[in-house]
Amino acid sequence: MSIKAKLKERGKSLRGWALEHGYPPRTVQLVVQRWGQRTDRNPHGGIGRQIMAVLRHELGEE
């Protein structure tokens, strides 16, 4: 199941999640688009890695 679907299941949107956690919504959208389905690698660093770590932890994908 995709990250967007899991958030929707919890009654949240990607934009709502981003604002709730203090991230720019467009940045979160791009990070999820690029890295959301990948399991072989993590983002290279910085905010992308942080966003994916928080999202995966919150959605129980660790």
N, C-alpha and C. Protein backbone atom coordinates (compact mmCIF):
# COMPACT_ATOMS: atom_id res chain seq x y z
N MET A 1 0.85 -1.18 0.00
CA MET A 1 0.00 0.00 0.00
C MET A 1 0.90 1.24 0.00
N SER A 2 0.52 2.24 -0.74
CA SER A 2 1.35 3.44 -0.86
C SER A 2 1.24 4.33 0.37
N ILE A 3 2.17 5.23 0.49
CA ILE A 3 2.19 6.16 1.62
C ILE A 3 0.94 7.03 1.60
N LYS A 4 0.57 7.52 0.42
CA LYS A 4 -0.63 8.36 0.31
C LYS A 4 -1.87 7.59 0.75
N ALA A 5 -1.98 6.32 0.35
CA ALA A 5 -3.14 5.51 0.73
C ALA A 5 -3.18 5.28 2.23
N LYS A 6 -2.02 5.05 2.83
CA LYS A 6 -1.98 4.83 4.28
C LYS A 6 -2.36 6.10 5.04
N LEU A 7 -1.93 7.24 4.55
CA LEU A 7 -2.31 8.50 5.19
C LEU A 7 -3.81 8.74 5.03
N LYS A 8 -4.33 8.48 3.84
CA LYS A 8 -5.76 8.67 3.58
C LYS A 8 -6.60 7.78 4.49
N GLU A 9 -6.10 6.56 4.72
CA GLU A 9 -6.76 5.61 5.61
C GLU A 9 -6.88 6.19 7.03
N ARG A 10 -5.92 7.01 7.40
CA ARG A 10 -5.90 7.64 8.72
C ARG A 10 -6.59 9.01 8.72
N GLY A 11 -7.16 9.38 7.58
CA GLY A 11 -7.90 10.63 7.49
C GLY A 11 -7.02 11.85 7.28
N LYS A 12 -5.82 11.64 6.75
CA LYS A 12 -4.90 12.74 6.51
C LYS A 12 -4.53 12.79 5.03
N SER A 13 -4.16 13.96 4.59
CA SER A 13 -3.62 14.11 3.24
C SER A 13 -2.12 14.32 3.37
N LEU A 14 -1.42 14.20 2.27
CA LEU A 14 0.02 14.43 2.28
C LEU A 14 0.31 15.88 2.67
N ARG A 15 -0.48 16.79 2.14
CA ARG A 15 -0.31 18.22 2.47
C ARG A 15 -0.58 18.46 3.95
N GLY A 16 -1.65 17.87 4.46
CA GLY A 16 -1.98 18.03 5.88
C GLY A 16 -0.90 17.48 6.78
N TRP A 17 -0.35 16.32 6.41
CA TRP A 17 0.73 15.72 7.19
C TRP A 17 1.95 16.64 7.20
N ALA A 18 2.28 17.18 6.02
CA ALA A 18 3.44 18.06 5.88
C ALA A 18 3.30 19.29 6.78
N LEU A 19 2.15 19.92 6.72
CA LEU A 19 1.93 21.12 7.53
C LEU A 19 1.93 20.79 9.02
N GLU A 20 1.37 19.66 9.38
CA GLU A 20 1.33 19.22 10.77
C GLU A 20 2.73 19.01 11.34
N HIS A 21 3.66 18.58 10.48
CA HIS A 21 5.02 18.30 10.93
C HIS A 21 6.02 19.41 10.59
N GLY A 22 5.52 20.50 10.02
CA GLY A 22 6.37 21.66 9.76
C GLY A 22 7.24 21.58 8.51
N TYR A 23 6.87 20.71 7.58
CA TYR A 23 7.61 20.59 6.32
C TYR A 23 6.87 21.31 5.21
N PRO A 24 7.59 21.84 4.23
CA PRO A 24 6.91 22.43 3.07
C PRO A 24 6.16 21.34 2.29
N PRO A 25 4.87 21.54 2.03
CA PRO A 25 4.08 20.51 1.35
C PRO A 25 4.66 20.06 0.01
N ARG A 26 5.19 20.97 -0.78
CA ARG A 26 5.75 20.60 -2.08
C ARG A 26 6.98 19.71 -1.92
N THR A 27 7.79 20.00 -0.91
CA THR A 27 8.98 19.19 -0.65
C THR A 27 8.58 17.77 -0.28
N VAL A 28 7.58 17.64 0.59
CA VAL A 28 7.10 16.32 0.99
C VAL A 28 6.55 15.57 -0.22
N GLN A 29 5.80 16.27 -1.06
CA GLN A 29 5.24 15.64 -2.26
C GLN A 29 6.36 15.10 -3.16
N LEU A 30 7.39 15.88 -3.37
CA LEU A 30 8.50 15.45 -4.23
C LEU A 30 9.26 14.28 -3.62
N VAL A 31 9.51 14.33 -2.32
CA VAL A 31 10.24 13.26 -1.64
C VAL A 31 9.45 11.95 -1.72
N VAL A 32 8.16 12.01 -1.47
CA VAL A 32 7.33 10.80 -1.53
C VAL A 32 7.26 10.28 -2.96
N GLN A 33 7.17 11.18 -3.91
CA GLN A 33 7.13 10.77 -5.32
C GLN A 33 8.42 10.05 -5.71
N ARG A 34 9.55 10.57 -5.26
CA ARG A 34 10.85 9.99 -5.64
C ARG A 34 11.22 8.77 -4.81
N TRP A 35 10.88 8.76 -3.54
CA TRP A 35 11.40 7.75 -2.62
C TRP A 35 10.35 6.89 -1.96
N GLY A 36 9.08 7.19 -2.13
CA GLY A 36 8.02 6.49 -1.42
C GLY A 36 7.93 5.00 -1.68
N GLN A 37 8.17 4.58 -2.90
CA GLN A 37 8.05 3.16 -3.25
C GLN A 37 9.37 2.40 -3.18
N ARG A 38 10.45 3.11 -2.94
CA ARG A 38 11.77 2.45 -2.93
C ARG A 38 12.05 1.81 -1.59
N THR A 39 12.50 0.59 -1.65
CA THR A 39 12.89 -0.10 -0.42
C THR A 39 14.37 -0.47 -0.45
N ASP A 40 14.99 -0.31 -1.61
CA ASP A 40 16.40 -0.67 -1.75
C ASP A 40 17.35 0.40 -1.22
N ARG A 41 16.90 1.65 -1.18
CA ARG A 41 17.74 2.76 -0.75
C ARG A 41 16.91 3.79 0.00
N ASN A 42 17.61 4.63 0.73
CA ASN A 42 16.99 5.78 1.38
C ASN A 42 17.47 7.04 0.68
N PRO A 43 16.77 8.16 0.89
CA PRO A 43 17.26 9.41 0.32
C PRO A 43 18.69 9.67 0.80
N HIS A 44 19.43 10.42 0.04
CA HIS A 44 20.86 10.61 0.28
C HIS A 44 21.16 11.43 1.53
N GLY A 45 20.26 12.22 1.98
CA GLY A 45 20.53 12.99 3.18
C GLY A 45 19.63 14.20 3.28
N GLY A 46 19.85 14.93 4.33
CA GLY A 46 19.12 16.17 4.53
C GLY A 46 17.66 15.96 4.83
N ILE A 47 16.86 16.88 4.33
CA ILE A 47 15.44 16.91 4.68
C ILE A 47 14.69 15.71 4.08
N GLY A 48 15.10 15.25 2.91
CA GLY A 48 14.43 14.09 2.30
C GLY A 48 14.53 12.86 3.17
N ARG A 49 15.70 12.60 3.70
CA ARG A 49 15.91 11.45 4.58
C ARG A 49 15.07 11.60 5.84
N GLN A 50 15.04 12.81 6.37
CA GLN A 50 14.27 13.08 7.59
C GLN A 50 12.77 12.87 7.34
N ILE A 51 12.27 13.39 6.24
CA ILE A 51 10.84 13.25 5.91
C ILE A 51 10.47 11.78 5.79
N MET A 52 11.25 11.02 5.04
CA MET A 52 10.94 9.60 4.85
C MET A 52 11.04 8.82 6.15
N ALA A 53 12.00 9.16 6.99
CA ALA A 53 12.15 8.46 8.27
C ALA A 53 10.93 8.71 9.16
N VAL A 54 10.49 9.95 9.24
CA VAL A 54 9.33 10.28 10.07
C VAL A 54 8.07 9.64 9.51
N LEU A 55 7.88 9.72 8.20
CA LEU A 55 6.71 9.12 7.56
C LEU A 55 6.67 7.61 7.78
N ARG A 56 7.77 6.95 7.52
CA ARG A 56 7.80 5.49 7.67
C ARG A 56 7.62 5.07 9.12
N HIS A 57 8.19 5.82 10.03
CA HIS A 57 8.02 5.51 11.45
C HIS A 57 6.55 5.66 11.85
N GLU A 58 5.95 6.77 11.43
CA GLU A 58 4.56 7.05 11.78
C GLU A 58 3.59 6.04 11.16
N LEU A 59 3.92 5.56 9.97
CA LEU A 59 3.04 4.62 9.28
C LEU A 59 3.40 3.16 9.56
N GLY A 60 4.41 2.96 10.37
CA GLY A 60 4.79 1.60 10.76
C GLY A 60 5.46 0.80 9.66
N GLU A 61 6.24 1.46 8.82
CA GLU A 61 6.91 0.78 7.71
C GLU A 61 8.37 0.48 7.98
N GLU A 62 8.81 0.62 9.18
CA GLU A 62 10.24 0.43 9.48
C GLU A 62 10.64 -1.01 9.39
